[in-house]
Amino acid sequence: MEFKNVSVIKKANVYFDGNVTSRTILLSSGERKTLGFMLAGIYEFNTDAEELMEIMGGEMNIMLKGENNYKTYVEGESFIVPENSSFKIIVEDYADYCCSYKFN
């Protein structure tokens, strides 16, 4: 996957003592995405806007708010997190991801 004509916010988004990091890119259309990497760990994130999370490498176990079980997502798979929600993540090795935010 390649993005053309983008702007990159140089400062990293750093979470969980540096175990999760991402960079924000802005497409010429105004769409916002983050490209990130997670080390092994257990994490929980809240959402404001709907998010499409694409797994670019590795895998992650996801439990969306209101669900009772984790589902494993691997390279090439994706899932959607609704706006104003949350999700839990278990990464056993690493996860490389691209997050796209709903574009109005």
PDB file of N, CA and C in Angstrom:
ATOM      1  N   MET A   1       0.845  -1.173   0.000  1.00  0.00           N
ATOM      2  CA  MET A   1       0.000   0.000   0.000  1.00  0.00           C
ATOM      3  C   MET A   1       0.888   1.233   0.000  1.00  0.00           C
ATOM      4  N   GLU A   2       0.502   2.208  -0.755  1.00  0.00           N
ATOM      5  CA  GLU A   2       1.259   3.444  -0.846  1.00  0.00           C
ATOM      6  C   GLU A   2       0.292   4.615  -0.849  1.00  0.00           C
ATOM      7  N   PHE A   3       0.642   5.673  -0.126  1.00  0.00           N
ATOM      8  CA  PHE A   3      -0.141   6.902  -0.120  1.00  0.00           C
ATOM      9  C   PHE A   3       0.658   7.966  -0.841  1.00  0.00           C
ATOM     10  N   LYS A   4       0.017   8.703  -1.746  1.00  0.00           N
ATOM     11  CA  LYS A   4       0.687   9.770  -2.487  1.00  0.00           C
ATOM     12  C   LYS A   4       0.124  11.110  -2.053  1.00  0.00           C
ATOM     13  N   ASN A   5       0.946  12.147  -2.202  1.00  0.00           N
ATOM     14  CA  ASN A   5       0.518  13.519  -1.886  1.00  0.00           C
ATOM     15  C   ASN A   5      -0.002  13.643  -0.459  1.00  0.00           C
ATOM     16  N   VAL A   6       0.838  13.300   0.498  1.00  0.00           N
ATOM     17  CA  VAL A   6       0.447  13.374   1.907  1.00  0.00           C
ATOM     18  C   VAL A   6       1.339  14.348   2.662  1.00  0.00           C
ATOM     19  N   SER A   7       0.819  14.803   3.771  1.00  0.00           N
ATOM     20  CA  SER A   7       1.609  15.555   4.739  1.00  0.00           C
ATOM     21  C   SER A   7       1.760  14.659   5.956  1.00  0.00           C
ATOM     22  N   VAL A   8       2.917  14.731   6.594  1.00  0.00           N
ATOM     23  CA  VAL A   8       3.192  13.905   7.766  1.00  0.00           C
ATOM     24  C   VAL A   8       3.430  14.816   8.961  1.00  0.00           C
ATOM     25  N   ILE A   9       2.746  14.529  10.052  1.00  0.00           N
ATOM     26  CA  ILE A   9       3.031  15.231  11.299  1.00  0.00           C
ATOM     27  C   ILE A   9       4.230  14.533  11.917  1.00  0.00           C
ATOM     28  N   LYS A  10       5.333  15.260  12.047  1.00  0.00           N
ATOM     29  CA  LYS A  10       6.599  14.630  12.439  1.00  0.00           C
ATOM     30  C   LYS A  10       6.598  14.075  13.856  1.00  0.00           C
ATOM     31  N   LYS A  11       5.917  14.744  14.774  1.00  0.00           N
ATOM     32  CA  LYS A  11       5.919  14.282  16.162  1.00  0.00           C
ATOM     33  C   LYS A  11       5.098  12.997  16.285  1.00  0.00           C
ATOM     34  N   ALA A  12       5.688  11.994  16.907  1.00  0.00           N
ATOM     35  CA  ALA A  12       5.034  10.700  17.079  1.00  0.00           C
ATOM     36  C   ALA A  12       3.942  10.769  18.146  1.00  0.00           C
ATOM     37  N   ASN A  13       2.932   9.943  17.972  1.00  0.00           N
ATOM     38  CA  ASN A  13       1.946   9.674  19.018  1.00  0.00           C
ATOM     39  C   ASN A  13       2.514   8.498  19.809  1.00  0.00           C
ATOM     40  N   VAL A  14       2.748   8.687  21.092  1.00  0.00           N
ATOM     41  CA  VAL A  14       3.393   7.658  21.910  1.00  0.00           C
ATOM     42  C   VAL A  14       2.462   7.293  23.064  1.00  0.00           C
ATOM     43  N   TYR A  15       2.187   5.999  23.201  1.00  0.00           N
ATOM     44  CA  TYR A  15       1.278   5.493  24.230  1.00  0.00           C
ATOM     45  C   TYR A  15       1.946   4.343  24.988  1.00  0.00           C
ATOM     46  N   PHE A  16       1.458   4.114  26.188  1.00  0.00           N
ATOM     47  CA  PHE A  16       1.878   2.952  26.986  1.00  0.00           C
ATOM     48  C   PHE A  16       3.401   2.836  27.078  1.00  0.00           C
ATOM     49  N   ASP A  17       4.025   3.914  27.561  1.00  0.00           N
ATOM     50  CA  ASP A  17       5.477   3.956  27.789  1.00  0.00           C
ATOM     51  C   ASP A  17       6.283   3.630  26.537  1.00  0.00           C
ATOM     52  N   GLY A  18       5.755   3.999  25.372  1.00  0.00           N
ATOM     53  CA  GLY A  18       6.474   3.783  24.119  1.00  0.00           C
ATOM     54  C   GLY A  18       6.230   2.440  23.470  1.00  0.00           C
ATOM     55  N   ASN A  19       5.390   1.608  24.064  1.00  0.00           N
ATOM     56  CA  ASN A  19       5.108   0.295  23.468  1.00  0.00           C
ATOM     57  C   ASN A  19       4.180   0.391  22.260  1.00  0.00           C
ATOM     58  N   VAL A  20       3.467   1.505  22.148  1.00  0.00           N
ATOM     59  CA  VAL A  20       2.617   1.766  20.988  1.00  0.00           C
ATOM     60  C   VAL A  20       2.984   3.149  20.466  1.00  0.00           C
ATOM     61  N   THR A  21       3.337   3.219  19.189  1.00  0.00           N
ATOM     62  CA  THR A  21       3.655   4.506  18.566  1.00  0.00           C
ATOM     63  C   THR A  21       2.992   4.596  17.203  1.00  0.00           C
ATOM     64  N   SER A  22       2.712   5.821  16.791  1.00  0.00           N
ATOM     65  CA  SER A  22       2.158   6.022  15.451  1.00  0.00           C
ATOM     66  C   SER A  22       2.534   7.405  14.948  1.00  0.00           C
ATOM     67  N   ARG A  23       2.395   7.585  13.648  1.00  0.00           N
ATOM     68  CA  ARG A  23       2.582   8.880  12.980  1.00  0.00           C
ATOM     69  C   ARG A  23       1.298   9.197  12.246  1.00  0.00           C
ATOM     70  N   THR A  24       0.900  10.440  12.288  1.00  0.00           N
ATOM     71  CA  THR A  24      -0.304  10.886  11.598  1.00  0.00           C
ATOM     72  C   THR A  24       0.051  11.383  10.216  1.00  0.00           C
ATOM     73  N   ILE A  25      -0.718  10.925   9.237  1.00  0.00           N
ATOM     74  CA  ILE A  25      -0.569  11.441   7.876  1.00  0.00           C
ATOM     75  C   ILE A  25      -1.899  12.049   7.455  1.00  0.00           C
ATOM     76  N   LEU A  26      -1.800  13.126   6.671  1.00  0.00           N
ATOM     77  CA  LEU A  26      -2.971  13.816   6.154  1.00  0.00           C
ATOM     78  C   LEU A  26      -2.938  13.726   4.644  1.00  0.00           C
ATOM     79  N   LEU A  27      -3.977  13.146   4.060  1.00  0.00           N
ATOM     80  CA  LEU A  27      -4.059  13.019   2.609  1.00  0.00           C
ATOM     81  C   LEU A  27      -4.532  14.335   2.008  1.00  0.00           C
ATOM     82  N   SER A  28      -4.258  14.538   0.740  1.00  0.00           N
ATOM     83  CA  SER A  28      -4.649  15.779   0.074  1.00  0.00           C
ATOM     84  C   SER A  28      -6.163  15.977   0.099  1.00  0.00           C
ATOM     85  N   SER A  29      -6.927  14.897   0.258  1.00  0.00           N
ATOM     86  CA  SER A  29      -8.393  14.968   0.346  1.00  0.00           C
ATOM     87  C   SER A  29      -8.856  15.482   1.704  1.00  0.00           C
ATOM     88  N   GLY A  30      -7.927  15.554   2.683  1.00  0.00           N
ATOM     89  CA  GLY A  30      -8.275  15.945   4.040  1.00  0.00           C
ATOM     90  C   GLY A  30      -8.442  14.758   4.974  1.00  0.00           C
ATOM     91  N   GLU A  31      -8.415  13.544   4.417  1.00  0.00           N
ATOM     92  CA  GLU A  31      -8.551  12.343   5.238  1.00  0.00           C
ATOM     93  C   GLU A  31      -7.335  12.188   6.144  1.00  0.00           C
ATOM     94  N   ARG A  32      -7.577  11.698   7.368  1.00  0.00           N
ATOM     95  CA  ARG A  32      -6.505  11.491   8.351  1.00  0.00           C
ATOM     96  C   ARG A  32      -6.327  10.008   8.605  1.00  0.00           C
ATOM     97  N   LYS A  33      -5.064   9.586   8.666  1.00  0.00           N
ATOM     98  CA  LYS A  33      -4.717   8.202   8.973  1.00  0.00           C
ATOM     99  C   LYS A  33      -3.555   8.212   9.956  1.00  0.00           C
ATOM    100  N   THR A  34      -3.411   7.109  10.678  1.00  0.00           N
ATOM    101  CA  THR A  34      -2.204   6.919  11.475  1.00  0.00           C
ATOM    102  C   THR A  34      -1.565   5.604  11.058  1.00  0.00           C
ATOM    103  N   LEU A  35      -0.252   5.624  11.010  1.00  0.00           N
ATOM    104  CA  LEU A  35       0.544   4.430  10.730  1.00  0.00           C
ATOM    105  C   LEU A  35       1.278   4.110  12.014  1.00  0.00           C
ATOM    106  N   GLY A  36       1.063   2.912  12.558  1.00  0.00           N
ATOM    107  CA  GLY A  36       1.603   2.634  13.873  1.00  0.00           C
ATOM    108  C   GLY A  36       2.172   1.246  14.043  1.00  0.00           C
ATOM    109  N   PHE A  37       2.786   1.071  15.212  1.00  0.00           N
ATOM    110  CA  PHE A  37       3.437  -0.183  15.562  1.00  0.00           C
ATOM    111  C   PHE A  37       3.219  -0.432  17.044  1.00  0.00           C
ATOM    112  N   MET A  38       2.848  -1.671  17.384  1.00  0.00           N
ATOM    113  CA  MET A  38       2.642  -2.076  18.774  1.00  0.00           C
ATOM    114  C   MET A  38       3.578  -3.218  19.129  1.00  0.00           C
ATOM    115  N   LEU A  39       4.228  -3.090  20.267  1.00  0.00           N
ATOM    116  CA  LEU A  39       5.009  -4.184  20.823  1.00  0.00           C
ATOM    117  C   LEU A  39       4.075  -5.071  21.646  1.00  0.00           C
ATOM    118  N   ALA A  40       4.566  -6.216  22.056  1.00  0.00           N
ATOM    119  CA  ALA A  40       3.762  -7.135  22.868  1.00  0.00           C
ATOM    120  C   ALA A  40       3.215  -6.415  24.094  1.00  0.00           C
ATOM    121  N   GLY A  41       1.931  -6.652  24.391  1.00  0.00           N
ATOM    122  CA  GLY A  41       1.318  -6.037  25.556  1.00  0.00           C
ATOM    123  C   GLY A  41      -0.193  -6.106  25.489  1.00  0.00           C
ATOM    124  N   ILE A  42      -0.820  -5.559  26.520  1.00  0.00           N
ATOM    125  CA  ILE A  42      -2.271  -5.472  26.613  1.00  0.00           C
ATOM    126  C   ILE A  42      -2.625  -3.998  26.682  1.00  0.00           C
ATOM    127  N   TYR A  43      -3.537  -3.562  25.809  1.00  0.00           N
ATOM    128  CA  TYR A  43      -3.845  -2.141  25.676  1.00  0.00           C
ATOM    129  C   TYR A  43      -5.351  -1.935  25.583  1.00  0.00           C
ATOM    130  N   GLU A  44      -5.788  -0.728  25.924  1.00  0.00           N
ATOM    131  CA  GLU A  44      -7.176  -0.339  25.706  1.00  0.00           C
ATOM    132  C   GLU A  44      -7.198   1.087  25.191  1.00  0.00           C
ATOM    133  N   PHE A  45      -7.986   1.305  24.136  1.00  0.00           N
ATOM    134  CA  PHE A  45      -8.104   2.615  23.515  1.00  0.00           C
ATOM    135  C   PHE A  45      -9.566   3.038  23.467  1.00  0.00           C
ATOM    136  N   ASN A  46      -9.797   4.349  23.558  1.00  0.00           N
ATOM    137  CA  ASN A  46     -11.114   4.943  23.367  1.00  0.00           C
ATOM    138  C   ASN A  46     -11.138   5.611  22.001  1.00  0.00           C
ATOM    139  N   THR A  47     -12.325   5.711  21.414  1.00  0.00           N
ATOM    140  CA  THR A  47     -12.460   6.342  20.108  1.00  0.00           C
ATOM    141  C   THR A  47     -13.422   7.525  20.186  1.00  0.00           C
ATOM    142  N   ASP A  48     -13.122   8.542  19.400  1.00  0.00           N
ATOM    143  CA  ASP A  48     -14.057   9.653  19.204  1.00  0.00           C
ATOM    144  C   ASP A  48     -14.786   9.446  17.887  1.00  0.00           C
ATOM    145  N   ALA A  49     -14.006   9.190  16.825  1.00  0.00           N
ATOM    146  CA  ALA A  49     -14.549   8.970  15.482  1.00  0.00           C
ATOM    147  C   ALA A  49     -14.460   7.487  15.141  1.00  0.00           C
ATOM    148  N   GLU A  50     -15.284   7.052  14.194  1.00  0.00           N
ATOM    149  CA  GLU A  50     -15.200   5.675  13.714  1.00  0.00           C
ATOM    150  C   GLU A  50     -13.813   5.422  13.133  1.00  0.00           C
ATOM    151  N   GLU A  51     -13.262   4.250  13.395  1.00  0.00           N
ATOM    152  CA  GLU A  51     -11.923   3.902  12.938  1.00  0.00           C
ATOM    153  C   GLU A  51     -11.942   2.583  12.171  1.00  0.00           C
ATOM    154  N   LEU A  52     -11.226   2.560  11.069  1.00  0.00           N
ATOM    155  CA  LEU A  52     -10.960   1.321  10.348  1.00  0.00           C
ATOM    156  C   LEU A  52      -9.513   0.961  10.649  1.00  0.00           C
ATOM    157  N   MET A  53      -9.294  -0.170  11.302  1.00  0.00           N
ATOM    158  CA  MET A  53      -7.952  -0.620  11.661  1.00  0.00           C
ATOM    159  C   MET A  53      -7.553  -1.754  10.737  1.00  0.00           C
ATOM    160  N   GLU A  54      -6.487  -1.537   9.954  1.00  0.00           N
ATOM    161  CA  GLU A  54      -5.973  -2.552   9.029  1.00  0.00           C
ATOM    162  C   GLU A  54      -4.670  -3.107   9.588  1.00  0.00           C
ATOM    163  N   ILE A  55      -4.538  -4.413   9.610  1.00  0.00           N
ATOM    164  CA  ILE A  55      -3.338  -5.052  10.127  1.00  0.00           C
ATOM    165  C   ILE A  55      -2.366  -5.223   8.952  1.00  0.00           C
ATOM    166  N   MET A  56      -1.217  -4.564   9.044  1.00  0.00           N
ATOM    167  CA  MET A  56      -0.223  -4.590   7.970  1.00  0.00           C
ATOM    168  C   MET A  56       0.838  -5.671   8.206  1.00  0.00           C
ATOM    169  N   GLY A  57       1.012  -6.080   9.455  1.00  0.00           N
ATOM    170  CA  GLY A  57       1.976  -7.118   9.806  1.00  0.00           C
ATOM    171  C   GLY A  57       1.719  -7.583  11.229  1.00  0.00           C
ATOM    172  N   GLY A  58       2.106  -8.804  11.539  1.00  0.00           N
ATOM    173  CA  GLY A  58       1.875  -9.350  12.868  1.00  0.00           C
ATOM    174  C   GLY A  58       0.414  -9.688  13.073  1.00  0.00           C
ATOM    175  N   GLU A  59      -0.007  -9.637  14.323  1.00  0.00           N
ATOM    176  CA  GLU A  59      -1.410  -9.916  14.631  1.00  0.00           C
ATOM    177  C   GLU A  59      -1.794  -9.266  15.938  1.00  0.00           C
ATOM    178  N   MET A  60      -3.107  -9.104  16.114  1.00  0.00           N
ATOM    179  CA  MET A  60      -3.636  -8.572  17.368  1.00  0.00           C
ATOM    180  C   MET A  60      -4.953  -9.247  17.687  1.00  0.00           C
ATOM    181  N   ASN A  61      -5.199  -9.423  18.974  1.00  0.00           N
ATOM    182  CA  ASN A  61      -6.456  -9.968  19.467  1.00  0.00           C
ATOM    183  C   ASN A  61      -7.293  -8.785  19.946  1.00  0.00           C
ATOM    184  N   ILE A  62      -8.520  -8.665  19.411  1.00  0.00           N
ATOM    185  CA  ILE A  62      -9.352  -7.492  19.650  1.00  0.00           C
ATOM    186  C   ILE A  62     -10.656  -7.877  20.324  1.00  0.00           C
ATOM    187  N   MET A  63     -11.053  -7.088  21.324  1.00  0.00           N
ATOM    188  CA  MET A  63     -12.378  -7.208  21.904  1.00  0.00           C
ATOM    189  C   MET A  63     -12.997  -5.811  21.902  1.00  0.00           C
ATOM    190  N   LEU A  64     -14.035  -5.650  21.096  1.00  0.00           N
ATOM    191  CA  LEU A  64     -14.745  -4.384  21.016  1.00  0.00           C
ATOM    192  C   LEU A  64     -15.635  -4.206  22.238  1.00  0.00           C
ATOM    193  N   LYS A  65     -15.932  -2.958  22.562  1.00  0.00           N
ATOM    194  CA  LYS A  65     -16.817  -2.646  23.687  1.00  0.00           C
ATOM    195  C   LYS A  65     -18.134  -3.389  23.503  1.00  0.00           C
ATOM    196  N   GLY A  66     -18.613  -4.011  24.572  1.00  0.00           N
ATOM    197  CA  GLY A  66     -19.869  -4.740  24.525  1.00  0.00           C
ATOM    198  C   GLY A  66     -19.729  -6.202  24.131  1.00  0.00           C
ATOM    199  N   GLU A  67     -18.538  -6.599  23.680  1.00  0.00           N
ATOM    200  CA  GLU A  67     -18.311  -7.996  23.337  1.00  0.00           C
ATOM    201  C   GLU A  67     -17.665  -8.710  24.516  1.00  0.00           C
ATOM    202  N   ASN A  68     -17.741 -10.039  24.516  1.00  0.00           N
ATOM    203  CA  ASN A  68     -17.206 -10.821  25.628  1.00  0.00           C
ATOM    204  C   ASN A  68     -15.994 -11.663  25.263  1.00  0.00           C
ATOM    205  N   ASN A  69     -15.664 -11.721  23.966  1.00  0.00           N
ATOM    206  CA  ASN A  69     -14.555 -12.557  23.521  1.00  0.00           C
ATOM    207  C   ASN A  69     -13.628 -11.770  22.591  1.00  0.00           C
ATOM    208  N   TYR A  70     -12.371 -12.189  22.595  1.00  0.00           N
ATOM    209  CA  TYR A  70     -11.391 -11.608  21.686  1.00  0.00           C
ATOM    210  C   TYR A  70     -11.454 -12.317  20.340  1.00  0.00           C
ATOM    211  N   LYS A  71     -11.187 -11.573  19.271  1.00  0.00           N
ATOM    212  CA  LYS A  71     -11.075 -12.127  17.930  1.00  0.00           C
ATOM    213  C   LYS A  71      -9.688 -11.778  17.408  1.00  0.00           C
ATOM    214  N   THR A  72      -9.018 -12.736  16.790  1.00  0.00           N
ATOM    215  CA  THR A  72      -7.670 -12.519  16.266  1.00  0.00           C
ATOM    216  C   THR A  72      -7.730 -11.980  14.845  1.00  0.00           C
ATOM    217  N   TYR A  73      -6.958 -10.919  14.605  1.00  0.00           N
ATOM    218  CA  TYR A  73      -6.812 -10.329  13.269  1.00  0.00           C
ATOM    219  C   TYR A  73      -5.344 -10.413  12.880  1.00  0.00           C
ATOM    220  N   VAL A  74      -5.097 -10.835  11.647  1.00  0.00           N
ATOM    221  CA  VAL A  74      -3.730 -11.005  11.153  1.00  0.00           C
ATOM    222  C   VAL A  74      -3.513 -10.119   9.927  1.00  0.00           C
ATOM    223  N   GLU A  75      -2.279 -10.105   9.448  1.00  0.00           N
ATOM    224  CA  GLU A  75      -1.912  -9.317   8.275  1.00  0.00           C
ATOM    225  C   GLU A  75      -2.934  -9.495   7.153  1.00  0.00           C
ATOM    226  N   GLY A  76      -3.382  -8.373   6.611  1.00  0.00           N
ATOM    227  CA  GLY A  76      -4.344  -8.388   5.523  1.00  0.00           C
ATOM    228  C   GLY A  76      -5.797  -8.285   5.968  1.00  0.00           C
ATOM    229  N   GLU A  77      -6.047  -8.398   7.268  1.00  0.00           N
ATOM    230  CA  GLU A  77      -7.409  -8.295   7.782  1.00  0.00           C
ATOM    231  C   GLU A  77      -7.633  -6.920   8.410  1.00  0.00           C
ATOM    232  N   SER A  78      -8.896  -6.572   8.634  1.00  0.00           N
ATOM    233  CA  SER A  78      -9.230  -5.279   9.230  1.00  0.00           C
ATOM    234  C   SER A  78     -10.503  -5.401  10.060  1.00  0.00           C
ATOM    235  N   PHE A  79     -10.746  -4.385  10.867  1.00  0.00           N
ATOM    236  CA  PHE A  79     -11.969  -4.315  11.650  1.00  0.00           C
ATOM    237  C   PHE A  79     -12.319  -2.848  11.858  1.00  0.00           C
ATOM    238  N   ILE A  80     -13.584  -2.608  12.199  1.00  0.00           N
ATOM    239  CA  ILE A  80     -14.069  -1.247  12.426  1.00  0.00           C
ATOM    240  C   ILE A  80     -14.422  -1.083  13.894  1.00  0.00           C
ATOM    241  N   VAL A  81     -13.995   0.048  14.459  1.00  0.00           N
ATOM    242  CA  VAL A  81     -14.363   0.417  15.820  1.00  0.00           C
ATOM    243  C   VAL A  81     -15.347   1.587  15.704  1.00  0.00           C
ATOM    244  N   PRO A  82     -16.545   1.454  16.274  1.00  0.00           N
ATOM    245  CA  PRO A  82     -17.525   2.540  16.183  1.00  0.00           C
ATOM    246  C   PRO A  82     -17.046   3.810  16.891  1.00  0.00           C
ATOM    247  N   GLU A  83     -17.642   4.944  16.503  1.00  0.00           N
ATOM    248  CA  GLU A  83     -17.314   6.202  17.172  1.00  0.00           C
ATOM    249  C   GLU A  83     -17.785   6.155  18.623  1.00  0.00           C
ATOM    250  N   ASN A  84     -17.139   6.947  19.462  1.00  0.00           N
ATOM    251  CA  ASN A  84     -17.476   7.038  20.886  1.00  0.00           C
ATOM    252  C   ASN A  84     -17.558   5.667  21.540  1.00  0.00           C
ATOM    253  N   SER A  85     -16.527   4.879  21.331  1.00  0.00           N
ATOM    254  CA  SER A  85     -16.484   3.521  21.845  1.00  0.00           C
ATOM    255  C   SER A  85     -15.098   3.247  22.419  1.00  0.00           C
ATOM    256  N   SER A  86     -14.795   1.971  22.587  1.00  0.00           N
ATOM    257  CA  SER A  86     -13.473   1.564  23.060  1.00  0.00           C
ATOM    258  C   SER A  86     -13.206   0.148  22.573  1.00  0.00           C
ATOM    259  N   PHE A  87     -11.944  -0.245  22.670  1.00  0.00           N
ATOM    260  CA  PHE A  87     -11.582  -1.613  22.323  1.00  0.00           C
ATOM    261  C   PHE A  87     -10.333  -2.005  23.075  1.00  0.00           C
ATOM    262  N   LYS A  88     -10.232  -3.307  23.369  1.00  0.00           N
ATOM    263  CA  LYS A  88      -9.074  -3.861  24.057  1.00  0.00           C
ATOM    264  C   LYS A  88      -8.250  -4.636  23.041  1.00  0.00           C
ATOM    265  N   ILE A  89      -6.937  -4.583  23.227  1.00  0.00           N
ATOM    266  CA  ILE A  89      -6.004  -5.238  22.305  1.00  0.00           C
ATOM    267  C   ILE A  89      -5.008  -6.059  23.104  1.00  0.00           C
ATOM    268  N   ILE A  90      -4.779  -7.291  22.655  1.00  0.00           N
ATOM    269  CA  ILE A  90      -3.668  -8.098  23.165  1.00  0.00           C
ATOM    270  C   ILE A  90      -2.759  -8.379  21.981  1.00  0.00           C
ATOM    271  N   VAL A  91      -1.497  -7.972  22.117  1.00  0.00           N
ATOM    272  CA  VAL A  91      -0.487  -8.246  21.098  1.00  0.00           C
ATOM    273  C   VAL A  91       0.523  -9.194  21.728  1.00  0.00           C
ATOM    274  N   GLU A  92       0.721 -10.344  21.111  1.00  0.00           N
ATOM    275  CA  GLU A  92       1.633 -11.337  21.684  1.00  0.00           C
ATOM    276  C   GLU A  92       3.059 -11.181  21.182  1.00  0.00           C
ATOM    277  N   ASP A  93       3.248 -10.658  19.978  1.00  0.00           N
ATOM    278  CA  ASP A  93       4.586 -10.459  19.416  1.00  0.00           C
ATOM    279  C   ASP A  93       4.735  -9.005  18.974  1.00  0.00           C
ATOM    280  N   TYR A  94       4.098  -8.643  17.865  1.00  0.00           N
ATOM    281  CA  TYR A  94       4.064  -7.265  17.386  1.00  0.00           C
ATOM    282  C   TYR A  94       2.869  -7.096  16.474  1.00  0.00           C
ATOM    283  N   ALA A  95       2.502  -5.844  16.220  1.00  0.00           N
ATOM    284  CA  ALA A  95       1.447  -5.534  15.254  1.00  0.00           C
ATOM    285  C   ALA A  95       1.797  -4.225  14.561  1.00  0.00           C
ATOM    286  N   ASP A  96       1.780  -4.254  13.249  1.00  0.00           N
ATOM    287  CA  ASP A  96       1.983  -3.092  12.392  1.00  0.00           C
ATOM    288  C   ASP A  96       0.610  -2.757  11.824  1.00  0.00           C
ATOM    289  N   TYR A  97       0.172  -1.501  11.940  1.00  0.00           N
ATOM    290  CA  TYR A  97      -1.200  -1.195  11.554  1.00  0.00           C
ATOM    291  C   TYR A  97      -1.342   0.155  10.871  1.00  0.00           C
ATOM    292  N   CYS A  98      -2.467   0.297  10.169  1.00  0.00           N
ATOM    293  CA  CYS A  98      -2.877   1.561   9.575  1.00  0.00           C
ATOM    294  C   CYS A  98      -4.298   1.824  10.052  1.00  0.00           C
ATOM    295  N   CYS A  99      -4.520   2.977  10.657  1.00  0.00           N
ATOM    296  CA  CYS A  99      -5.836   3.337  11.153  1.00  0.00           C
ATOM    297  C   CYS A  99      -6.384   4.491  10.318  1.00  0.00           C
ATOM    298  N   SER A 100      -7.569   4.313   9.752  1.00  0.00           N
ATOM    299  CA  SER A 100      -8.227   5.363   8.962  1.00  0.00           C
ATOM    300  C   SER A 100      -9.435   5.855   9.749  1.00  0.00           C
ATOM    301  N   TYR A 101      -9.569   7.151   9.812  1.00  0.00           N
ATOM    302  CA  TYR A 101     -10.662   7.749  10.585  1.00  0.00           C
ATOM    303  C   TYR A 101     -11.770   8.169   9.641  1.00  0.00           C
ATOM    304  N   LYS A 102     -13.002   7.981  10.091  1.00  0.00           N
ATOM    305  CA  LYS A 102     -14.152   8.288   9.245  1.00  0.00           C
ATOM    306  C   LYS A 102     -14.032   9.714   8.732  1.00  0.00           C
ATOM    307  N   PHE A 103     -14.213   9.833   7.440  1.00  0.00           N
ATOM    308  CA  PHE A 103     -14.054  11.103   6.745  1.00  0.00           C
ATOM    309  C   PHE A 103     -15.429  11.614   6.356  1.00  0.00           C
ATOM    310  N   ASN A 104     -15.814  12.760   6.897  1.00  0.00           N
ATOM    311  CA  ASN A 104     -17.133  13.335   6.596  1.00  0.00           C
ATOM    312  C   ASN A 104     -17.025  14.358   5.493  1.00  0.00           C
TER     313      ASN A 104
END
